[in-house]
């Protein structure tokens, strides 16, 4: 993995922020010694005080991140990146600032961008519902593996071959 403009602790929030982990499971993990070691004391304390039984958990955590950076523009980019990693974005421009905060090599970014383009073309131009479901499932599985790799500082997964 390449370096990112986001701190390492941010990536530990990915499973929850992309909807792959419930608030209750995140809170349970947060109360472990392992979790405490991943965050600066100030951030950990703020995360610890979040009401994980409320309806605004994601917004509360995003507010903690926003307070850390103080940039509305950067938060828009972070939210767009979270949508991409949650497999909720249909398209992302190659010159999007999202690519600048992802810890990917240029080659990995280009291949991911190509995969997103192919998926978009399949969804727009192929009139076969089963094929569309297959490609959607492939990308959903890929993004789940990608988020896991980012959250746990693992090797990035291979991109699925699309269009065959």
C-alpha atoms as a PDB file:
ATOM      1  CA  UNK A   1       0.000   0.000   0.000  1.00  0.00           C
ATOM      2  CA  UNK A   2       1.091   3.547  -0.735  1.00  0.00           C
ATOM      3  CA  UNK A   3       0.975   6.403   1.759  1.00  0.00           C
ATOM      4  CA  UNK A   4      -2.243   8.346   2.131  1.00  0.00           C
ATOM      5  CA  UNK A   5      -2.989  11.883   3.223  1.00  0.00           C
ATOM      6  CA  UNK A   6      -5.243  10.311   5.851  1.00  0.00           C
ATOM      7  CA  UNK A   7      -3.763   8.936   9.079  1.00  0.00           C
ATOM      8  CA  UNK A   8      -3.552   5.187   9.706  1.00  0.00           C
ATOM      9  CA  UNK A   9      -6.220   5.366  12.398  1.00  0.00           C
ATOM     10  CA  UNK A  10      -8.767   6.629   9.863  1.00  0.00           C
ATOM     11  CA  UNK A  11      -8.663   3.337   7.973  1.00  0.00           C
ATOM     12  CA  UNK A  12      -9.704   1.458  11.144  1.00  0.00           C
ATOM     13  CA  UNK A  13     -13.055   3.262  10.872  1.00  0.00           C
ATOM     14  CA  UNK A  14     -13.706   1.961   7.335  1.00  0.00           C
ATOM     15  CA  UNK A  15     -15.694  -1.182   8.193  1.00  0.00           C
ATOM     16  CA  UNK A  16     -18.213   0.905  10.118  1.00  0.00           C
ATOM     17  CA  UNK A  17     -18.222   3.963   7.839  1.00  0.00           C
ATOM     18  CA  UNK A  18     -18.852   1.828   4.732  1.00  0.00           C
ATOM     19  CA  UNK A  19     -21.705  -0.093   6.366  1.00  0.00           C
ATOM     20  CA  UNK A  20     -19.854  -3.385   6.716  1.00  0.00           C
ATOM     21  CA  UNK A  21     -19.885  -3.310  10.513  1.00  0.00           C
ATOM     22  CA  UNK A  22     -22.753  -2.427  12.832  1.00  0.00           C
ATOM     23  CA  UNK A  23     -22.492   0.362  15.384  1.00  0.00           C
ATOM     24  CA  UNK A  24     -22.785  -2.227  18.178  1.00  0.00           C
ATOM     25  CA  UNK A  25     -19.932  -4.316  16.747  1.00  0.00           C
ATOM     26  CA  UNK A  26     -17.774  -1.227  16.255  1.00  0.00           C
ATOM     27  CA  UNK A  27     -18.439  -0.121  19.838  1.00  0.00           C
ATOM     28  CA  UNK A  28     -17.567  -3.599  21.120  1.00  0.00           C
ATOM     29  CA  UNK A  29     -14.290  -3.561  19.142  1.00  0.00           C
ATOM     30  CA  UNK A  30     -13.559  -0.007  20.312  1.00  0.00           C
ATOM     31  CA  UNK A  31     -13.629  -1.205  23.932  1.00  0.00           C
ATOM     32  CA  UNK A  32     -10.725  -3.613  23.366  1.00  0.00           C
ATOM     33  CA  UNK A  33      -7.096  -2.876  24.192  1.00  0.00           C
ATOM     34  CA  UNK A  34      -6.224  -3.598  20.572  1.00  0.00           C
ATOM     35  CA  UNK A  35      -8.498  -0.802  19.330  1.00  0.00           C
ATOM     36  CA  UNK A  36      -7.151   1.732  21.809  1.00  0.00           C
ATOM     37  CA  UNK A  37      -3.649   1.242  20.410  1.00  0.00           C
ATOM     38  CA  UNK A  38      -4.755   2.283  16.906  1.00  0.00           C
ATOM     39  CA  UNK A  39      -5.955   5.792  17.761  1.00  0.00           C
ATOM     40  CA  UNK A  40      -4.382   8.902  19.242  1.00  0.00           C
ATOM     41  CA  UNK A  41      -5.709   9.408  22.797  1.00  0.00           C
ATOM     42  CA  UNK A  42      -7.777  12.455  21.818  1.00  0.00           C
ATOM     43  CA  UNK A  43      -9.494  10.639  18.928  1.00  0.00           C
ATOM     44  CA  UNK A  44     -10.041   7.480  20.963  1.00  0.00           C
ATOM     45  CA  UNK A  45     -11.670   9.473  23.760  1.00  0.00           C
ATOM     46  CA  UNK A  46     -13.998  11.221  21.316  1.00  0.00           C
ATOM     47  CA  UNK A  47     -14.917   7.887  19.697  1.00  0.00           C
ATOM     48  CA  UNK A  48     -15.503   6.361  23.116  1.00  0.00           C
ATOM     49  CA  UNK A  49     -18.030   9.090  24.009  1.00  0.00           C
ATOM     50  CA  UNK A  50     -20.171   8.596  20.879  1.00  0.00           C
ATOM     51  CA  UNK A  51     -23.684   7.301  21.603  1.00  0.00           C
ATOM     52  CA  UNK A  52     -23.586   4.036  19.643  1.00  0.00           C
ATOM     53  CA  UNK A  53     -27.268   3.377  20.306  1.00  0.00           C
ATOM     54  CA  UNK A  54     -28.346   6.605  18.635  1.00  0.00           C
ATOM     55  CA  UNK A  55     -29.338   7.243  15.030  1.00  0.00           C
ATOM     56  CA  UNK A  56     -26.492   9.632  14.243  1.00  0.00           C
ATOM     57  CA  UNK A  57     -23.471   7.405  14.918  1.00  0.00           C
ATOM     58  CA  UNK A  58     -21.970   7.712  11.437  1.00  0.00           C
ATOM     59  CA  UNK A  59     -22.490  11.477  11.414  1.00  0.00           C
ATOM     60  CA  UNK A  60     -20.967  11.762  14.901  1.00  0.00           C
ATOM     61  CA  UNK A  61     -17.852   9.880  13.787  1.00  0.00           C
ATOM     62  CA  UNK A  62     -17.617  11.911  10.587  1.00  0.00           C
ATOM     63  CA  UNK A  63     -17.859  15.041  12.748  1.00  0.00           C
ATOM     64  CA  UNK A  64     -14.872  13.827  14.788  1.00  0.00           C
ATOM     65  CA  UNK A  65     -12.948  13.417  11.532  1.00  0.00           C
ATOM     66  CA  UNK A  66     -14.126  16.825  10.313  1.00  0.00           C
ATOM     67  CA  UNK A  67     -13.005  18.472  13.557  1.00  0.00           C
ATOM     68  CA  UNK A  68      -9.596  16.889  13.051  1.00  0.00           C
ATOM     69  CA  UNK A  69      -9.222  18.311   9.531  1.00  0.00           C
ATOM     70  CA  UNK A  70     -11.396  21.412   9.616  1.00  0.00           C
ATOM     71  CA  UNK A  71     -11.914  21.372   5.836  1.00  0.00           C
ATOM     72  CA  UNK A  72     -15.389  21.083   4.360  1.00  0.00           C
ATOM     73  CA  UNK A  73     -13.865  20.319   0.961  1.00  0.00           C
ATOM     74  CA  UNK A  74     -11.780  17.457   2.330  1.00  0.00           C
ATOM     75  CA  UNK A  75     -14.840  16.025   4.097  1.00  0.00           C
ATOM     76  CA  UNK A  76     -16.742  16.032   0.801  1.00  0.00           C
ATOM     77  CA  UNK A  77     -13.880  14.063  -0.732  1.00  0.00           C
ATOM     78  CA  UNK A  78     -13.827  11.667   2.234  1.00  0.00           C
ATOM     79  CA  UNK A  79     -17.585  11.115   1.943  1.00  0.00           C
ATOM     80  CA  UNK A  80     -17.230  10.444  -1.798  1.00  0.00           C
ATOM     81  CA  UNK A  81     -14.403   7.994  -1.084  1.00  0.00           C
ATOM     82  CA  UNK A  82     -16.578   6.213   1.495  1.00  0.00           C
ATOM     83  CA  UNK A  83     -19.360   5.922  -1.097  1.00  0.00           C
ATOM     84  CA  UNK A  84     -16.869   4.458  -3.567  1.00  0.00           C
ATOM     85  CA  UNK A  85     -15.577   1.912  -1.047  1.00  0.00           C
ATOM     86  CA  UNK A  86     -19.140   1.063   0.012  1.00  0.00           C
ATOM     87  CA  UNK A  87     -19.874   0.290  -3.665  1.00  0.00           C
ATOM     88  CA  UNK A  88     -22.475   3.075  -3.828  1.00  0.00           C
ATOM     89  CA  UNK A  89     -20.836   5.149  -6.584  1.00  0.00           C
ATOM     90  CA  UNK A  90     -21.644   4.324 -10.177  1.00  0.00           C
ATOM     91  CA  UNK A  91     -18.846   6.444 -11.588  1.00  0.00           C
ATOM     92  CA  UNK A  92     -15.795   8.381 -10.433  1.00  0.00           C
ATOM     93  CA  UNK A  93     -13.794  10.730 -12.655  1.00  0.00           C
ATOM     94  CA  UNK A  94     -10.128   9.943 -13.136  1.00  0.00           C
ATOM     95  CA  UNK A  95      -9.225  13.445 -11.910  1.00  0.00           C
ATOM     96  CA  UNK A  96     -11.365  13.188  -8.770  1.00  0.00           C
ATOM     97  CA  UNK A  97      -9.558  14.247  -5.582  1.00  0.00           C
ATOM     98  CA  UNK A  98     -10.664  10.912  -4.099  1.00  0.00           C
ATOM     99  CA  UNK A  99      -7.745   9.235  -5.878  1.00  0.00           C
ATOM    100  CA  UNK A 100      -5.332  11.528  -4.019  1.00  0.00           C
ATOM    101  CA  UNK A 101      -6.356  10.282  -0.569  1.00  0.00           C
ATOM    102  CA  UNK A 102      -6.495   6.587  -1.395  1.00  0.00           C
ATOM    103  CA  UNK A 103      -3.267   4.743  -0.565  1.00  0.00           C
ATOM    104  CA  UNK A 104      -2.934   3.112  -3.984  1.00  0.00           C
ATOM    105  CA  UNK A 105      -0.190   3.021  -6.557  1.00  0.00           C
ATOM    106  CA  UNK A 106      -0.907   4.783  -9.836  1.00  0.00           C
ATOM    107  CA  UNK A 107      -1.234   1.414 -11.559  1.00  0.00           C
ATOM    108  CA  UNK A 108      -3.752   0.148  -8.992  1.00  0.00           C
ATOM    109  CA  UNK A 109      -5.750   3.380  -9.315  1.00  0.00           C
ATOM    110  CA  UNK A 110      -5.821   3.103 -13.104  1.00  0.00           C
ATOM    111  CA  UNK A 111      -6.940  -0.523 -12.943  1.00  0.00           C
ATOM    112  CA  UNK A 112      -9.617   0.282 -10.369  1.00  0.00           C
ATOM    113  CA  UNK A 113     -10.812   3.174 -12.507  1.00  0.00           C
ATOM    114  CA  UNK A 114     -11.019   0.826 -15.514  1.00  0.00           C
ATOM    115  CA  UNK A 115     -12.992  -1.691 -13.469  1.00  0.00           C
ATOM    116  CA  UNK A 116     -15.465   1.021 -12.442  1.00  0.00           C
ATOM    117  CA  UNK A 117     -15.846   2.128 -16.076  1.00  0.00           C
ATOM    118  CA  UNK A 118     -16.477  -1.416 -17.278  1.00  0.00           C
ATOM    119  CA  UNK A 119     -19.025  -1.993 -14.520  1.00  0.00           C
ATOM    120  CA  UNK A 120     -20.799   1.256 -15.446  1.00  0.00           C
ATOM    121  CA  UNK A 121     -20.878   0.289 -19.117  1.00  0.00           C
ATOM    122  CA  UNK A 122     -22.264  -3.136 -18.277  1.00  0.00           C
ATOM    123  CA  UNK A 123     -24.987  -1.605 -16.129  1.00  0.00           C
ATOM    124  CA  UNK A 124     -25.896   0.945 -18.816  1.00  0.00           C
ATOM    125  CA  UNK A 125     -25.574  -1.018 -22.042  1.00  0.00           C
ATOM    126  CA  UNK A 126     -26.050  -4.708 -21.335  1.00  0.00           C
ATOM    127  CA  UNK A 127     -29.684  -5.646 -21.157  1.00  0.00           C
ATOM    128  CA  UNK A 128     -29.099  -8.932 -19.337  1.00  0.00           C
ATOM    129  CA  UNK A 129     -30.275  -8.689 -15.737  1.00  0.00           C
ATOM    130  CA  UNK A 130     -28.392 -11.828 -14.640  1.00  0.00           C
ATOM    131  CA  UNK A 131     -25.129 -10.510 -16.077  1.00  0.00           C
ATOM    132  CA  UNK A 132     -25.663  -7.162 -14.351  1.00  0.00           C
ATOM    133  CA  UNK A 133     -26.236  -8.953 -11.032  1.00  0.00           C
ATOM    134  CA  UNK A 134     -23.065 -11.007 -11.507  1.00  0.00           C
ATOM    135  CA  UNK A 135     -20.937  -7.908 -12.135  1.00  0.00           C
ATOM    136  CA  UNK A 136     -22.565  -6.040  -9.267  1.00  0.00           C
ATOM    137  CA  UNK A 137     -21.824  -8.995  -6.971  1.00  0.00           C
ATOM    138  CA  UNK A 138     -18.207  -9.159  -8.210  1.00  0.00           C
ATOM    139  CA  UNK A 139     -17.643  -5.496  -7.432  1.00  0.00           C
ATOM    140  CA  UNK A 140     -19.410  -5.732  -4.059  1.00  0.00           C
ATOM    141  CA  UNK A 141     -17.170  -8.654  -3.064  1.00  0.00           C
ATOM    142  CA  UNK A 142     -14.101  -6.807  -4.314  1.00  0.00           C
ATOM    143  CA  UNK A 143     -14.893  -3.620  -2.374  1.00  0.00           C
ATOM    144  CA  UNK A 144     -15.514  -5.675   0.795  1.00  0.00           C
ATOM    145  CA  UNK A 145     -12.043  -7.237   0.406  1.00  0.00           C
ATOM    146  CA  UNK A 146     -10.530  -3.843  -0.396  1.00  0.00           C
ATOM    147  CA  UNK A 147     -12.014  -2.247   2.742  1.00  0.00           C
ATOM    148  CA  UNK A 148     -10.761  -5.154   4.840  1.00  0.00           C
ATOM    149  CA  UNK A 149      -7.268  -4.747   3.377  1.00  0.00           C
ATOM    150  CA  UNK A 150      -7.260  -0.992   4.026  1.00  0.00           C
ATOM    151  CA  UNK A 151      -8.628  -1.336   7.569  1.00  0.00           C
ATOM    152  CA  UNK A 152      -6.134  -4.030   8.517  1.00  0.00           C
ATOM    153  CA  UNK A 153      -3.087  -2.767   6.602  1.00  0.00           C
ATOM    154  CA  UNK A 154      -2.993  -5.841   4.363  1.00  0.00           C
ATOM    155  CA  UNK A 155      -1.983  -6.369   0.759  1.00  0.00           C
ATOM    156  CA  UNK A 156      -4.577  -4.938  -1.610  1.00  0.00           C
ATOM    157  CA  UNK A 157      -6.750  -7.542  -3.335  1.00  0.00           C
ATOM    158  CA  UNK A 158      -6.477  -8.266  -7.027  1.00  0.00           C
ATOM    159  CA  UNK A 159      -9.062  -6.498  -9.107  1.00  0.00           C
ATOM    160  CA  UNK A 160     -11.739  -8.747 -10.595  1.00  0.00           C
ATOM    161  CA  UNK A 161     -11.704  -9.270 -14.340  1.00  0.00           C
ATOM    162  CA  UNK A 162     -14.793  -7.623 -15.764  1.00  0.00           C
ATOM    163  CA  UNK A 163     -16.395  -7.901 -19.140  1.00  0.00           C
ATOM    164  CA  UNK A 164     -15.577 -11.522 -19.954  1.00  0.00           C
END
